[in-house]
Amino acid sequence: MQPGKRPPFESVILAGGAGARFGGGKLLAPYRGGRLLDGALRAALSAPVQRAILVTGFEGEAVREAALSFVGADHAGARLDIIHAADHAEGMAASLRAGIAAVSRGAAGAFIFLGDMPDIPPSVAQRLAGRLGDHAAAAPFYAGRRGHPVLVAARLFPALARLSGDQGARAALAGLGDDLVQVEVEDGRIFFDVDLRSDIGL
């Protein structure tokens, strides 16, 4: 990469869910000395990106304030844009559509992070970026299972924009075959997501 040239990717963090099984307030719950959301923000901002886009929905203002607090304390100078998916109650697809629509024109692709996955190792995004090439998407795999985040090339954006309901990126990845690069990682944290309070010892 040339000196001063920005990476061609951006991060999208989906943080619009209600967390019904958790009992509400999931992304603001305490986790490892901070909030649950902090882990996803840290991973997204540590990826090889020119900026990150946080998509809020349920408890949008509180999530926004928490994100700004995290960036100010731990990632001063990072470019984090925060948008609100007004139709977030539709399901994950609404947040994903909003996030993809906000990606800068000319970006080569976007990492899709989930706000309730706090332990993604920073090295995973670096490896995905190095392997995407001319493929439609790259995803981490461990023991034969796909994890997160997923890196999608810009040519896959129209398919993501057509998703509805609770469909996530998985629906757009289905059928890609060899156009989906499987990046093997030796880290089960690519699967860890928080659904219940007991998942984080609350």
Foldseek 3Di string as FASTA:
>chain_A
DDPPDAALEAEEEEAADQLVQAPGPQQQPDFPNGGLLLLLVVLRQLARHQAYEYEYHVVRVVVVVSSVVSCVVPPPPGHYHYDYQDVCVLARLSSQLVRLVPDDPRRFWYKYHYSQLRNDDNVQNVVQVVPLPVAQKEFEDEPRDTFDTIIGTNVLSVVSNPDTGHDDCVVSCPPSVPSYHYHYDHDPSSHDGDNYPVSRPD
